[in-house]
Amino acid sequence: MEKNYEEILTSLADGKLSEYKIEAKDAFAFQQALRNFGRRQDITGIAQRGGSIIYKQAENQV
């Protein structure tokens, strides 16, 4: 089942979702969705050991 990354990104940008963790195997698909997301400046990612990334609402949006 493919995840609805646009819905996840909107929830992150709106502050409805505090964070979302992407595993390394899903990172490319998520990055494609993020590049096409109109409010990508509202989201920041923090790389983790092992290749996963935790995305959160950008500090300037809180």
Protein backbone atom coordinates (compact mmCIF):
# COMPACT_ATOMS: atom_id res chain seq x y z
CA MET A 1 0.00 0.00 0.00
CA GLU A 2 1.41 3.36 -1.02
CA LYS A 3 1.31 6.09 1.60
CA ASN A 4 -0.31 9.43 0.91
CA TYR A 5 2.76 11.59 1.41
CA GLU A 6 0.97 14.80 0.39
CA GLU A 7 -1.51 14.31 3.23
CA ILE A 8 1.36 13.64 5.64
CA LEU A 9 3.23 16.73 4.45
CA THR A 10 0.14 18.91 4.86
CA SER A 11 -0.36 17.59 8.39
CA LEU A 12 3.28 18.36 9.22
CA ALA A 13 3.13 21.87 7.73
CA ASP A 14 -0.13 22.61 9.58
CA GLY A 15 1.22 21.32 12.89
CA LYS A 16 -1.40 18.55 13.09
CA LEU A 17 1.38 15.97 13.04
CA SER A 18 4.36 16.64 15.33
CA GLU A 19 6.83 14.49 13.37
CA TYR A 20 7.02 11.77 10.75
CA LYS A 21 9.84 9.26 10.42
CA ILE A 22 10.87 7.97 7.00
CA GLU A 23 12.99 4.86 6.73
CA ALA A 24 15.87 4.81 4.26
CA LYS A 25 14.00 2.49 1.87
CA ASP A 26 11.16 5.06 1.53
CA ALA A 27 13.30 8.21 1.49
CA PHE A 28 13.43 8.63 -2.30
CA ALA A 29 9.64 8.48 -2.75
CA PHE A 30 9.11 10.87 0.16
CA GLN A 31 11.69 13.31 -1.23
CA GLN A 32 9.87 13.36 -4.57
CA ALA A 33 6.61 14.23 -2.81
CA LEU A 34 8.39 16.89 -0.73
CA ARG A 35 9.90 18.51 -3.84
CA ASN A 36 6.41 18.80 -5.36
CA PHE A 37 4.84 20.06 -2.12
CA GLY A 38 3.99 23.76 -2.36
CA ARG A 39 4.88 24.50 1.27
CA ARG A 40 8.15 22.58 1.60
CA GLN A 41 9.78 25.54 3.38
CA ASP A 42 7.40 24.78 6.27
CA ILE A 43 9.01 21.36 6.85
CA THR A 44 12.48 20.40 8.03
CA GLY A 45 14.19 17.02 8.09
CA ILE A 46 16.73 15.67 10.57
CA ALA A 47 18.89 12.77 9.39
CA GLN A 48 19.25 9.83 11.76
CA ARG A 49 21.81 7.07 11.99
CA GLY A 50 21.03 4.26 9.58
CA GLY A 51 19.55 6.49 6.89
CA SER A 52 16.15 7.33 8.36
CA ILE A 53 14.95 10.94 8.48
CA ILE A 54 12.58 12.58 10.95
CA TYR A 55 10.53 15.39 9.41
CA LYS A 56 8.96 18.11 11.55
CA GLN A 57 7.31 21.49 11.15
CA ALA A 58 10.01 24.10 10.52
CA GLU A 59 10.91 26.24 13.56
CA ASN A 60 9.78 29.47 11.88
CA GLN A 61 6.27 27.99 11.49
CA VAL A 62 5.67 27.14 15.15
